[in-house]
C-alpha atoms as a PDB file:
ATOM      1  CA  MET A   1     -13.221  12.558 -28.933  1.00  0.00           C
ATOM      2  CA  THR A   2     -11.213  12.576 -32.114  1.00  0.00           C
ATOM      3  CA  ARG A   3      -7.956  13.548 -30.426  1.00  0.00           C
ATOM      4  CA  GLY A   4      -7.754  10.895 -27.741  1.00  0.00           C
ATOM      5  CA  GLU A   5      -5.431   8.603 -29.665  1.00  0.00           C
ATOM      6  CA  ARG A   6      -2.891  11.405 -29.830  1.00  0.00           C
ATOM      7  CA  ILE A   7      -2.736  11.390 -26.044  1.00  0.00           C
ATOM      8  CA  ILE A   8      -3.441   7.776 -25.118  1.00  0.00           C
ATOM      9  CA  ASN A   9      -1.279   5.940 -27.596  1.00  0.00           C
ATOM     10  CA  GLU A  10       0.926   2.855 -27.501  1.00  0.00           C
ATOM     11  CA  GLN A  11       3.713   4.716 -25.696  1.00  0.00           C
ATOM     12  CA  SER A  12       1.391   5.961 -22.941  1.00  0.00           C
ATOM     13  CA  ARG A  13      -0.152   2.486 -22.615  1.00  0.00           C
ATOM     14  CA  GLU A  14       3.328   1.003 -22.150  1.00  0.00           C
ATOM     15  CA  GLU A  15       4.144   3.618 -19.506  1.00  0.00           C
ATOM     16  CA  MET A  16       0.911   2.829 -17.666  1.00  0.00           C
ATOM     17  CA  GLN A  17       1.790  -0.886 -17.749  1.00  0.00           C
ATOM     18  CA  ASP A  18       5.246  -0.090 -16.347  1.00  0.00           C
ATOM     19  CA  ILE A  19       3.708   1.997 -13.562  1.00  0.00           C
ATOM     20  CA  LEU A  20       1.234  -0.768 -12.735  1.00  0.00           C
ATOM     21  CA  ALA A  21       4.118  -3.243 -12.538  1.00  0.00           C
ATOM     22  CA  GLU A  22       5.941  -0.900 -10.115  1.00  0.00           C
ATOM     23  CA  ILE A  23       2.837  -0.761  -7.929  1.00  0.00           C
ATOM     24  CA  GLN A  24       2.287  -4.526  -8.032  1.00  0.00           C
ATOM     25  CA  SER A  25       5.923  -5.301  -7.247  1.00  0.00           C
ATOM     26  CA  GLY A  26       5.981  -2.989  -4.227  1.00  0.00           C
ATOM     27  CA  GLU A  27       8.603  -0.737  -5.805  1.00  0.00           C
ATOM     28  CA  PHE A  28       6.286   2.277  -5.655  1.00  0.00           C
ATOM     29  CA  ALA A  29       5.454   1.635  -1.983  1.00  0.00           C
ATOM     30  CA  ARG A  30       9.143   1.309  -1.076  1.00  0.00           C
ATOM     31  CA  GLU A  31       9.896   4.554  -2.909  1.00  0.00           C
ATOM     32  CA  TRP A  32       7.044   6.350  -1.128  1.00  0.00           C
ATOM     33  CA  ILE A  33       8.163   5.039   2.290  1.00  0.00           C
ATOM     34  CA  LEU A  34      11.695   6.344   1.693  1.00  0.00           C
ATOM     35  CA  GLU A  35      10.295   9.679   0.500  1.00  0.00           C
ATOM     36  CA  SER A  36       8.198   9.917   3.652  1.00  0.00           C
ATOM     37  CA  GLN A  37      11.110   9.005   5.923  1.00  0.00           C
ATOM     38  CA  ALA A  38      13.219  11.708   4.264  1.00  0.00           C
ATOM     39  CA  GLY A  39      10.618  14.382   5.026  1.00  0.00           C
ATOM     40  CA  LEU A  40       8.873  14.377   1.615  1.00  0.00           C
ATOM     41  CA  PRO A  41      11.443  16.491  -0.283  1.00  0.00           C
ATOM     42  CA  MET A  42      10.244  15.484  -3.760  1.00  0.00           C
ATOM     43  CA  LYS A  43       6.581  15.987  -2.872  1.00  0.00           C
ATOM     44  CA  LYS A  44       7.300  19.413  -1.401  1.00  0.00           C
ATOM     45  CA  SER A  45       9.350  20.392  -4.442  1.00  0.00           C
ATOM     46  CA  LEU A  46       6.586  19.328  -6.831  1.00  0.00           C
ATOM     47  CA  GLU A  47       3.942  21.156  -4.776  1.00  0.00           C
ATOM     48  CA  LYS A  48       6.051  24.325  -4.847  1.00  0.00           C
ATOM     49  CA  MET A  49       6.485  24.102  -8.620  1.00  0.00           C
ATOM     50  CA  GLU A  50       2.755  23.546  -9.075  1.00  0.00           C
ATOM     51  CA  SER A  51       1.841  26.486  -6.831  1.00  0.00           C
ATOM     52  CA  GLU A  52       4.087  28.756  -8.909  1.00  0.00           C
ATOM     53  CA  HIS A  53       2.584  27.698 -12.243  1.00  0.00           C
ATOM     54  CA  PRO A  54       0.847  30.550 -14.129  1.00  0.00           C
ATOM     55  CA  ILE A  55      -2.433  28.608 -14.188  1.00  0.00           C
ATOM     56  CA  GLU A  56      -2.662  29.090 -10.417  1.00  0.00           C
ATOM     57  CA  GLU A  57      -2.772  32.878 -10.842  1.00  0.00           C
ATOM     58  CA  VAL A  58      -5.476  32.533 -13.492  1.00  0.00           C
ATOM     59  CA  GLY A  59      -7.412  30.193 -11.207  1.00  0.00           C
ATOM     60  CA  ALA A  60      -7.236  32.690  -8.341  1.00  0.00           C
ATOM     61  CA  GLN A  61      -8.521  35.457 -10.613  1.00  0.00           C
ATOM     62  CA  LEU A  62     -11.390  33.287 -11.823  1.00  0.00           C
ATOM     63  CA  ARG A  63     -12.342  32.204  -8.300  1.00  0.00           C
ATOM     64  CA  ALA A  64     -12.380  35.876  -7.248  1.00  0.00           C
ATOM     65  CA  MET A  65     -15.113  36.433  -9.850  1.00  0.00           C
ATOM     66  CA  MET A  66     -17.255  33.680  -8.303  1.00  0.00           C
ATOM     67  CA  PRO A  67     -18.536  34.969  -4.956  1.00  0.00           C
ATOM     68  CA  TRP A  68     -20.629  31.830  -4.417  1.00  0.00           C
ATOM     69  CA  LEU A  69     -17.378  29.940  -3.845  1.00  0.00           C
ATOM     70  CA  GLU A  70     -16.498  32.007  -0.770  1.00  0.00           C
ATOM     71  CA  LYS A  71     -16.194  30.026   2.429  1.00  0.00           C
ATOM     72  CA  LYS A  72     -18.987  30.634   4.909  1.00  0.00           C
END
């Protein structure tokens, strides 16, 4: 509540406006089409990095302590 302005500040608002402009202009779509045609190398790289993040190990340990989450 009292910390939000430290995260969502003028710089982040400007970045969000830039991203919106990329979406509206079609730049983002063109980039995604090229990524898809190339076999999704950036997406796969980002997914690999995310899967290796220490929080994933912590998450697995926490889920192991919650038997009600087990698939039936």
